Amino acid sequence: PFGTSVNEILHDCHADHAFGIQVGGPSGVFIARDEFDRKLAFEDLATGGSFIILNEGRNVLELVKNFTHFFAHESCGFCTPCRVGTALLQKQFDKIVDGHGSAGDVVALEELCQLVKNYSHCGLGQTAANPIISTLQRYPEIYQSLLKKISYEPGFDLDAALEPARKMANRDDANAHLAQVEE
């Protein structure tokens, strides 16, 4: 019930060793252990009843990835900040989670989150970045552990994109795409 602290709920369901909590469904927020004294209430942790308890074994970013893909798929497409923004959030988040991100990509993700949140017309776009924002704030070490120690990695791999053309031309050298076609 409203007014109940997260600690009380965790104690009642014997989840005393929780790593974090996700409150409010996909558009809600994640809270860390040091915030378990917060209360379910409109003025603190507003929720419609969704409450996911995470232990140390749960991959928090996999859950965020699921939410991010959900929002990109569910955008109605009416406004550009949501239509394009949720797709870009998905792509940028996936790049980081898949181990191809750099510190610069995290900064770009944070900026994109604010753009989508501030300029979308409806609640979906305005809250789509909440899972990313709240995990960046509360679990930065998880993101840091996935980053490459480079300043930037391009989002497009030309060599991989040309691989089908090399196979079609029966060429396995790097210059296959430069070969002249005889007429």
Protein backbone atom coordinates (compact mmCIF):
# COMPACT_ATOMS: atom_id res chain seq x y z
CA PRO A 1 0.00 0.00 0.00
CA PHE A 2 0.98 3.64 -0.45
CA GLY A 3 3.23 4.92 2.30
CA THR A 4 5.03 1.59 2.69
CA SER A 5 8.82 1.71 2.45
CA VAL A 6 10.71 -0.46 0.01
CA ASN A 7 12.53 -2.04 2.97
CA GLU A 8 9.19 -3.15 4.48
CA ILE A 9 8.11 -4.75 1.21
CA LEU A 10 11.45 -6.52 0.81
CA HIS A 11 11.28 -7.79 4.39
CA ASP A 12 7.69 -9.04 3.91
CA CYS A 13 8.66 -11.06 0.84
CA HIS A 14 11.97 -12.28 2.32
CA ALA A 15 14.09 -10.46 -0.26
CA ASP A 16 16.52 -8.94 2.21
CA HIS A 17 19.51 -9.26 -0.14
CA ALA A 18 18.11 -7.34 -3.11
CA PHE A 19 20.56 -5.55 -5.38
CA GLY A 20 18.02 -3.09 -6.75
CA ILE A 21 14.36 -2.49 -7.45
CA GLN A 22 12.58 -1.41 -10.60
CA VAL A 23 9.41 0.51 -9.77
CA GLY A 24 6.67 1.68 -12.11
CA GLY A 25 7.01 -0.60 -15.12
CA PRO A 26 9.08 0.19 -18.22
CA SER A 27 8.60 3.94 -17.79
CA GLY A 28 9.52 3.81 -14.11
CA VAL A 29 12.86 4.03 -12.36
CA PHE A 30 15.48 1.78 -10.85
CA ILE A 31 16.56 2.36 -7.28
CA ALA A 32 19.68 1.06 -5.56
CA ARG A 33 20.16 -0.53 -2.14
CA ASP A 34 20.95 2.78 -0.45
CA GLU A 35 17.48 4.09 -1.41
CA PHE A 36 15.40 1.26 0.05
CA ASP A 37 14.11 3.56 2.79
CA ARG A 38 12.05 5.41 0.15
CA LYS A 39 8.28 5.00 0.24
CA LEU A 40 5.74 4.04 -2.39
CA ALA A 41 3.82 7.30 -2.68
CA PHE A 42 2.93 9.88 -5.30
CA GLU A 43 5.47 12.27 -3.79
CA ASP A 44 8.30 9.70 -3.72
CA LEU A 45 8.12 6.45 -5.72
CA ALA A 46 4.94 6.62 -7.76
CA THR A 47 3.88 3.27 -9.16
CA GLY A 48 0.82 1.58 -10.54
CA GLY A 49 1.84 -1.62 -8.81
CA SER A 50 4.80 -2.82 -10.84
CA PHE A 51 7.69 -3.78 -8.59
CA ILE A 52 10.62 -5.89 -9.84
CA ILE A 53 13.13 -7.10 -7.26
CA LEU A 54 16.63 -7.68 -8.63
CA ASN A 55 19.33 -9.78 -7.03
CA GLU A 56 23.07 -9.72 -7.76
CA GLY A 57 22.65 -12.38 -10.44
CA ARG A 58 20.20 -10.36 -12.52
CA ASN A 59 21.64 -8.38 -15.41
CA VAL A 60 20.12 -4.95 -14.87
CA LEU A 61 21.11 -3.75 -18.33
CA GLU A 62 19.34 -6.68 -20.03
CA LEU A 63 16.13 -5.50 -18.39
CA VAL A 64 16.81 -1.92 -19.53
CA LYS A 65 17.56 -3.22 -23.03
CA ASN A 66 14.18 -4.97 -23.09
CA PHE A 67 12.44 -1.75 -22.02
CA THR A 68 14.38 0.31 -24.58
CA HIS A 69 13.37 -2.04 -27.40
CA PHE A 70 9.77 -1.93 -26.15
CA PHE A 71 9.64 1.87 -26.36
CA ALA A 72 11.25 1.98 -29.82
CA HIS A 73 8.65 -0.52 -31.05
CA GLU A 74 5.65 1.12 -29.36
CA SER A 75 6.24 4.72 -30.44
CA CYS A 76 3.24 5.86 -32.49
CA GLY A 77 5.54 7.90 -34.72
CA PHE A 78 3.61 11.17 -34.39
CA CYS A 79 6.48 13.32 -33.11
CA THR A 80 10.06 13.16 -34.29
CA PRO A 81 11.69 13.29 -30.84
CA CYS A 82 9.91 10.07 -29.88
CA ARG A 83 9.84 8.31 -33.27
CA VAL A 84 13.50 8.90 -34.04
CA GLY A 85 14.67 9.40 -30.46
CA THR A 86 13.51 6.03 -29.14
CA ALA A 87 15.12 4.28 -32.13
CA LEU A 88 18.38 6.15 -31.49
CA LEU A 89 18.19 5.35 -27.76
CA GLN A 90 17.85 1.68 -28.65
CA LYS A 91 20.78 1.78 -31.07
CA GLN A 92 23.08 3.76 -28.75
CA PHE A 93 22.18 1.68 -25.70
CA ASP A 94 22.73 -1.58 -27.62
CA LYS A 95 26.14 -0.35 -28.80
CA ILE A 96 27.22 0.18 -25.19
CA VAL A 97 25.69 -3.03 -23.80
CA ASP A 98 27.18 -5.07 -26.65
CA GLY A 99 30.66 -3.90 -25.63
CA HIS A 100 31.32 -1.45 -28.48
CA GLY A 101 30.77 1.77 -26.56
CA SER A 102 33.21 4.35 -25.30
CA ALA A 103 32.96 7.04 -22.64
CA GLY A 104 31.90 9.43 -25.41
CA ASP A 105 29.02 7.12 -26.28
CA VAL A 106 27.76 7.29 -22.69
CA VAL A 107 27.83 11.10 -22.82
CA ALA A 108 25.95 11.01 -26.14
CA LEU A 109 23.41 8.60 -24.62
CA GLU A 110 22.84 10.92 -21.65
CA GLU A 111 22.29 13.89 -23.98
CA LEU A 112 19.92 11.89 -26.18
CA CYS A 113 17.93 10.80 -23.11
CA GLN A 114 17.37 14.44 -22.16
CA LEU A 115 16.35 15.40 -25.71
CA VAL A 116 13.78 12.61 -25.97
CA LYS A 117 12.46 13.32 -22.47
CA ASN A 118 12.18 17.09 -22.94
CA TYR A 119 10.84 17.32 -26.50
CA SER A 120 8.46 14.36 -26.94
CA HIS A 121 4.76 15.22 -27.03
CA CYS A 122 3.34 12.33 -25.01
CA GLY A 123 4.07 10.31 -21.92
CA LEU A 124 5.67 7.44 -23.83
CA GLY A 125 8.44 9.61 -25.22
CA GLN A 126 8.76 11.66 -22.06
CA THR A 127 9.37 8.55 -19.94
CA ALA A 128 11.12 6.24 -22.44
CA ALA A 129 14.55 7.25 -21.19
CA ASN A 130 13.76 6.76 -17.48
CA PRO A 131 15.26 3.25 -17.23
CA ILE A 132 18.48 4.43 -18.88
CA ILE A 133 18.73 7.64 -16.86
CA SER A 134 18.08 5.92 -13.53
CA THR A 135 20.58 3.11 -14.16
CA LEU A 136 23.24 5.55 -15.37
CA GLN A 137 22.79 7.46 -12.10
CA ARG A 138 22.66 4.46 -9.77
CA TYR A 139 24.85 1.86 -11.46
CA PRO A 140 27.54 3.77 -13.41
CA GLU A 141 30.08 1.05 -12.63
CA ILE A 142 28.08 -1.47 -14.68
CA TYR A 143 28.24 0.80 -17.71
CA GLN A 144 31.93 1.57 -17.12
CA SER A 145 32.76 -2.14 -17.06
CA LEU A 146 31.42 -2.52 -20.61
CA LEU A 147 33.23 0.41 -22.20
CA LYS A 148 36.19 0.16 -24.53
CA LYS A 149 39.20 2.24 -23.62
CA ILE A 150 39.03 4.27 -26.83
CA SER A 151 37.61 7.69 -27.48
CA TYR A 152 35.19 6.54 -30.19
CA GLU A 153 34.18 3.49 -32.21
CA PRO A 154 32.17 4.09 -35.38
CA GLY A 155 28.65 2.73 -35.42
CA PHE A 156 29.07 1.42 -38.98
CA ASP A 157 31.53 -1.31 -39.99
CA LEU A 158 32.30 -0.91 -43.71
CA ASP A 159 34.22 -4.17 -43.87
CA ALA A 160 31.30 -6.16 -42.45
CA ALA A 161 28.87 -4.39 -44.77
CA LEU A 162 30.97 -5.36 -47.79
CA GLU A 163 31.26 -9.03 -46.79
CA PRO A 164 28.16 -10.15 -48.78
CA ALA A 165 29.57 -8.45 -51.91
CA ARG A 166 32.87 -10.27 -51.47
CA LYS A 167 31.08 -13.60 -51.24
CA MET A 168 28.97 -12.82 -54.30
CA ALA A 169 32.10 -11.93 -56.30
CA ASN A 170 34.00 -14.96 -54.95
CA ARG A 171 36.67 -12.63 -53.59
CA ASP A 172 38.08 -12.77 -50.11
CA ASP A 173 40.53 -9.90 -50.33
CA ALA A 174 39.96 -6.48 -48.79
CA ASN A 175 39.87 -4.77 -52.21
CA ALA A 176 37.04 -6.88 -53.65
CA HIS A 177 34.71 -3.89 -53.73
CA LEU A 178 37.21 -1.95 -55.86
CA ALA A 179 37.49 -4.52 -58.65
CA GLN A 180 36.49 -3.42 -62.14
CA VAL A 181 33.63 -5.31 -63.70
CA GLU A 182 34.33 -6.40 -67.28
CA GLU A 183 31.58 -5.71 -69.75
